[in-house]
Amino acid sequence: MDDNSNKSTKRRNKFAGKEDISRETADSILSAQIDQLREISRTNDKTTNQVRESINILYEKKIPIDTSKFEQLNRNFINEMENKLRKVKQPSKGLKWYIAMWVITLISAFLAGYFIHEYREWKEKAVFWYQMYEEVKPK
């Protein structure tokens, strides 16, 4: 089956029901439309050239722009972001207190162990000297 042959027969004739148009009339209509398209193309080319010239003029003038306010805003924004990042990187207050209490607990445990050891040594020496005193003590 050829679908293209069916489509051409089904296509509606633009000039159906109207009087036949001669080939010369159709040629003149088409040539008029082609001339209109050429004129539109010329207008587009002119507009394009004008836009290009305007852009080139703007580039040549190099209009100076004061960017100090933008630079200041940019610096402020960067500083603010760095401060926020610094805060995010720092441990929280609760964690700091937890670590401080843990360190204090370790130090107090080591000191308690040291003093208990010293107390036992002192007690042993005291018992030894008390025994020596009891032996030497006049009766």
C-alpha atoms as a PDB file:
ATOM      1  CA  MET A   1       0.000   0.000   0.000  1.00  0.00           C
ATOM      2  CA  ASP A   2       1.249   3.390  -0.888  1.00  0.00           C
ATOM      3  CA  ASP A   3       0.196   5.998   1.670  1.00  0.00           C
ATOM      4  CA  ASN A   4       1.515   8.902  -0.392  1.00  0.00           C
ATOM      5  CA  SER A   5      -0.824   8.195  -3.262  1.00  0.00           C
ATOM      6  CA  ASN A   6      -3.808   8.265  -0.897  1.00  0.00           C
ATOM      7  CA  LYS A   7      -2.731  11.550   0.665  1.00  0.00           C
ATOM      8  CA  SER A   8      -2.484  13.364  -2.631  1.00  0.00           C
ATOM      9  CA  THR A   9      -6.031  12.407  -3.570  1.00  0.00           C
ATOM     10  CA  LYS A  10      -7.362  13.364  -0.145  1.00  0.00           C
ATOM     11  CA  ARG A  11      -5.636  16.773  -0.146  1.00  0.00           C
ATOM     12  CA  ARG A  12      -8.063  19.619  -0.526  1.00  0.00           C
ATOM     13  CA  ASN A  13      -7.606  21.758  -3.575  1.00  0.00           C
ATOM     14  CA  LYS A  14      -7.067  25.359  -2.545  1.00  0.00           C
ATOM     15  CA  PHE A  15      -8.801  26.640  -5.613  1.00  0.00           C
ATOM     16  CA  ALA A  16     -11.660  24.124  -5.628  1.00  0.00           C
ATOM     17  CA  GLY A  17     -14.928  25.609  -6.658  1.00  0.00           C
ATOM     18  CA  LYS A  18     -13.248  28.656  -8.145  1.00  0.00           C
ATOM     19  CA  GLU A  19     -12.520  29.424 -11.696  1.00  0.00           C
ATOM     20  CA  ASP A  20      -9.354  28.022 -13.149  1.00  0.00           C
ATOM     21  CA  ILE A  21      -6.307  30.223 -12.796  1.00  0.00           C
ATOM     22  CA  SER A  22      -4.014  30.501 -15.719  1.00  0.00           C
ATOM     23  CA  ARG A  23      -0.375  29.628 -15.438  1.00  0.00           C
ATOM     24  CA  GLU A  24       0.632  33.240 -16.063  1.00  0.00           C
ATOM     25  CA  THR A  25      -1.562  34.458 -13.219  1.00  0.00           C
ATOM     26  CA  ALA A  26      -0.097  31.866 -10.837  1.00  0.00           C
ATOM     27  CA  ASP A  27       3.431  32.825 -11.960  1.00  0.00           C
ATOM     28  CA  SER A  28       2.753  36.506 -11.383  1.00  0.00           C
ATOM     29  CA  ILE A  29       1.291  35.806  -7.904  1.00  0.00           C
ATOM     30  CA  LEU A  30       4.287  33.668  -6.983  1.00  0.00           C
ATOM     31  CA  SER A  31       6.797  36.169  -8.325  1.00  0.00           C
ATOM     32  CA  ALA A  32       5.055  38.968  -6.356  1.00  0.00           C
ATOM     33  CA  GLN A  33       5.292  36.890  -3.185  1.00  0.00           C
ATOM     34  CA  ILE A  34       8.966  36.121  -3.888  1.00  0.00           C
ATOM     35  CA  ASP A  35       9.604  39.841  -4.370  1.00  0.00           C
ATOM     36  CA  GLN A  36       7.917  40.552  -1.032  1.00  0.00           C
ATOM     37  CA  LEU A  37      10.105  37.909   0.650  1.00  0.00           C
ATOM     38  CA  ARG A  38      13.212  39.474  -0.897  1.00  0.00           C
ATOM     39  CA  GLU A  39      12.163  42.887   0.427  1.00  0.00           C
ATOM     40  CA  ILE A  40      11.591  41.417   3.884  1.00  0.00           C
ATOM     41  CA  SER A  41      15.017  39.766   3.709  1.00  0.00           C
ATOM     42  CA  ARG A  42      16.648  43.092   2.778  1.00  0.00           C
ATOM     43  CA  THR A  43      14.877  44.800   5.679  1.00  0.00           C
ATOM     44  CA  ASN A  44      16.083  42.061   8.030  1.00  0.00           C
ATOM     45  CA  ASP A  45      19.646  42.453   6.725  1.00  0.00           C
ATOM     46  CA  LYS A  46      19.521  46.217   7.282  1.00  0.00           C
ATOM     47  CA  THR A  47      18.176  45.765  10.809  1.00  0.00           C
ATOM     48  CA  THR A  48      20.856  43.176  11.553  1.00  0.00           C
ATOM     49  CA  ASN A  49      23.580  45.522  10.329  1.00  0.00           C
ATOM     50  CA  GLN A  50      22.198  48.378  12.440  1.00  0.00           C
ATOM     51  CA  VAL A  51      22.147  46.177  15.540  1.00  0.00           C
ATOM     52  CA  ARG A  52      25.737  45.053  14.871  1.00  0.00           C
ATOM     53  CA  GLU A  53      26.851  48.652  14.426  1.00  0.00           C
ATOM     54  CA  SER A  54      25.139  49.637  17.689  1.00  0.00           C
ATOM     55  CA  ILE A  55      26.849  46.784  19.524  1.00  0.00           C
ATOM     56  CA  ASN A  56      30.215  47.730  18.042  1.00  0.00           C
ATOM     57  CA  ILE A  57      29.697  51.364  19.081  1.00  0.00           C
ATOM     58  CA  LEU A  58      28.923  50.260  22.643  1.00  0.00           C
ATOM     59  CA  TYR A  59      32.039  48.085  22.716  1.00  0.00           C
ATOM     60  CA  GLU A  60      34.193  50.886  21.330  1.00  0.00           C
ATOM     61  CA  LYS A  61      32.966  53.478  23.820  1.00  0.00           C
ATOM     62  CA  LYS A  62      33.806  51.236  26.782  1.00  0.00           C
ATOM     63  CA  ILE A  63      31.563  53.084  29.189  1.00  0.00           C
ATOM     64  CA  PRO A  64      33.152  52.957  32.655  1.00  0.00           C
ATOM     65  CA  ILE A  65      31.000  51.528  35.425  1.00  0.00           C
ATOM     66  CA  ASP A  66      31.642  52.160  39.109  1.00  0.00           C
ATOM     67  CA  THR A  67      31.787  48.695  40.639  1.00  0.00           C
ATOM     68  CA  SER A  68      32.993  49.679  44.105  1.00  0.00           C
ATOM     69  CA  LYS A  69      29.562  49.090  45.669  1.00  0.00           C
ATOM     70  CA  PHE A  70      29.338  45.675  44.030  1.00  0.00           C
ATOM     71  CA  GLU A  71      32.834  44.811  45.250  1.00  0.00           C
ATOM     72  CA  GLN A  72      31.921  45.933  48.783  1.00  0.00           C
ATOM     73  CA  LEU A  73      28.736  43.844  48.706  1.00  0.00           C
ATOM     74  CA  ASN A  74      30.735  40.909  47.386  1.00  0.00           C
ATOM     75  CA  ARG A  75      33.346  41.257  50.167  1.00  0.00           C
ATOM     76  CA  ASN A  76      30.621  41.556  52.822  1.00  0.00           C
ATOM     77  CA  PHE A  77      28.865  38.487  51.445  1.00  0.00           C
ATOM     78  CA  ILE A  78      32.093  36.474  51.387  1.00  0.00           C
ATOM     79  CA  ASN A  79      32.968  37.561  54.955  1.00  0.00           C
ATOM     80  CA  GLU A  80      29.497  36.634  56.175  1.00  0.00           C
ATOM     81  CA  MET A  81      29.704  33.207  54.533  1.00  0.00           C
ATOM     82  CA  GLU A  82      33.177  32.622  56.023  1.00  0.00           C
ATOM     83  CA  ASN A  83      31.875  33.553  59.484  1.00  0.00           C
ATOM     84  CA  LYS A  84      28.943  31.176  59.117  1.00  0.00           C
ATOM     85  CA  LEU A  85      31.261  28.399  57.942  1.00  0.00           C
ATOM     86  CA  ARG A  86      33.571  29.078  60.881  1.00  0.00           C
ATOM     87  CA  LYS A  87      30.603  28.786  63.259  1.00  0.00           C
ATOM     88  CA  VAL A  88      29.507  25.549  61.615  1.00  0.00           C
ATOM     89  CA  LYS A  89      33.012  24.082  61.930  1.00  0.00           C
ATOM     90  CA  GLN A  90      33.272  24.921  65.641  1.00  0.00           C
ATOM     91  CA  PRO A  91      31.931  22.391  68.131  1.00  0.00           C
ATOM     92  CA  SER A  92      28.770  23.284  70.004  1.00  0.00           C
ATOM     93  CA  LYS A  93      28.805  24.710  73.536  1.00  0.00           C
ATOM     94  CA  GLY A  94      27.300  21.516  74.907  1.00  0.00           C
ATOM     95  CA  LEU A  95      30.105  19.445  73.388  1.00  0.00           C
ATOM     96  CA  LYS A  96      32.718  21.852  74.789  1.00  0.00           C
ATOM     97  CA  TRP A  97      31.206  21.522  78.284  1.00  0.00           C
ATOM     98  CA  TYR A  98      31.027  17.749  77.953  1.00  0.00           C
ATOM     99  CA  ILE A  99      34.721  17.569  77.014  1.00  0.00           C
ATOM    100  CA  ALA A 100      35.651  19.972  79.843  1.00  0.00           C
ATOM    101  CA  MET A 101      33.752  17.876  82.409  1.00  0.00           C
ATOM    102  CA  TRP A 102      35.349  14.705  81.047  1.00  0.00           C
ATOM    103  CA  VAL A 103      38.836  16.238  81.404  1.00  0.00           C
ATOM    104  CA  ILE A 104      38.047  17.441  84.944  1.00  0.00           C
ATOM    105  CA  THR A 105      36.795  13.955  85.830  1.00  0.00           C
ATOM    106  CA  LEU A 106      39.999  12.360  84.526  1.00  0.00           C
ATOM    107  CA  ILE A 107      42.192  14.832  86.407  1.00  0.00           C
ATOM    108  CA  SER A 108      40.243  14.339  89.639  1.00  0.00           C
ATOM    109  CA  ALA A 109      40.465  10.538  89.259  1.00  0.00           C
ATOM    110  CA  PHE A 110      44.241  10.701  88.777  1.00  0.00           C
ATOM    111  CA  LEU A 111      44.632  13.098  91.736  1.00  0.00           C
ATOM    112  CA  ALA A 112      42.427  10.895  93.929  1.00  0.00           C
ATOM    113  CA  GLY A 113      44.540   7.862  93.005  1.00  0.00           C
ATOM    114  CA  TYR A 114      47.735   9.782  93.766  1.00  0.00           C
ATOM    115  CA  PHE A 115      46.479  10.974  97.173  1.00  0.00           C
ATOM    116  CA  ILE A 116      45.184   7.512  98.102  1.00  0.00           C
ATOM    117  CA  HIS A 117      48.605   6.075  97.230  1.00  0.00           C
ATOM    118  CA  GLU A 118      50.352   8.794  99.291  1.00  0.00           C
ATOM    119  CA  TYR A 119      47.971   8.193 102.216  1.00  0.00           C
ATOM    120  CA  ARG A 120      48.717   4.465 102.226  1.00  0.00           C
ATOM    121  CA  GLU A 121      52.494   5.118 102.141  1.00  0.00           C
ATOM    122  CA  TRP A 122      52.153   7.654 104.968  1.00  0.00           C
ATOM    123  CA  LYS A 123      50.025   5.205 106.967  1.00  0.00           C
ATOM    124  CA  GLU A 124      52.615   2.434 106.509  1.00  0.00           C
ATOM    125  CA  LYS A 125      55.403   4.772 107.628  1.00  0.00           C
ATOM    126  CA  ALA A 126      53.370   5.971 110.560  1.00  0.00           C
ATOM    127  CA  VAL A 127      52.648   2.391 111.654  1.00  0.00           C
ATOM    128  CA  PHE A 128      56.352   1.497 111.268  1.00  0.00           C
ATOM    129  CA  TRP A 129      57.506   4.458 113.376  1.00  0.00           C
ATOM    130  CA  TYR A 130      54.802   3.793 115.943  1.00  0.00           C
ATOM    131  CA  GLN A 131      56.017   0.227 116.267  1.00  0.00           C
ATOM    132  CA  MET A 132      59.595   1.438 116.560  1.00  0.00           C
ATOM    133  CA  TYR A 133      58.512   3.877 119.262  1.00  0.00           C
ATOM    134  CA  GLU A 134      56.695   1.128 121.148  1.00  0.00           C
ATOM    135  CA  GLU A 135      59.792  -1.055 121.059  1.00  0.00           C
ATOM    136  CA  VAL A 136      62.106   1.686 122.244  1.00  0.00           C
ATOM    137  CA  LYS A 137      59.681   3.185 124.759  1.00  0.00           C
ATOM    138  CA  PRO A 138      60.794   2.802 128.359  1.00  0.00           C
ATOM    139  CA  LYS A 139      58.640   0.523 130.341  1.00  0.00           C
END
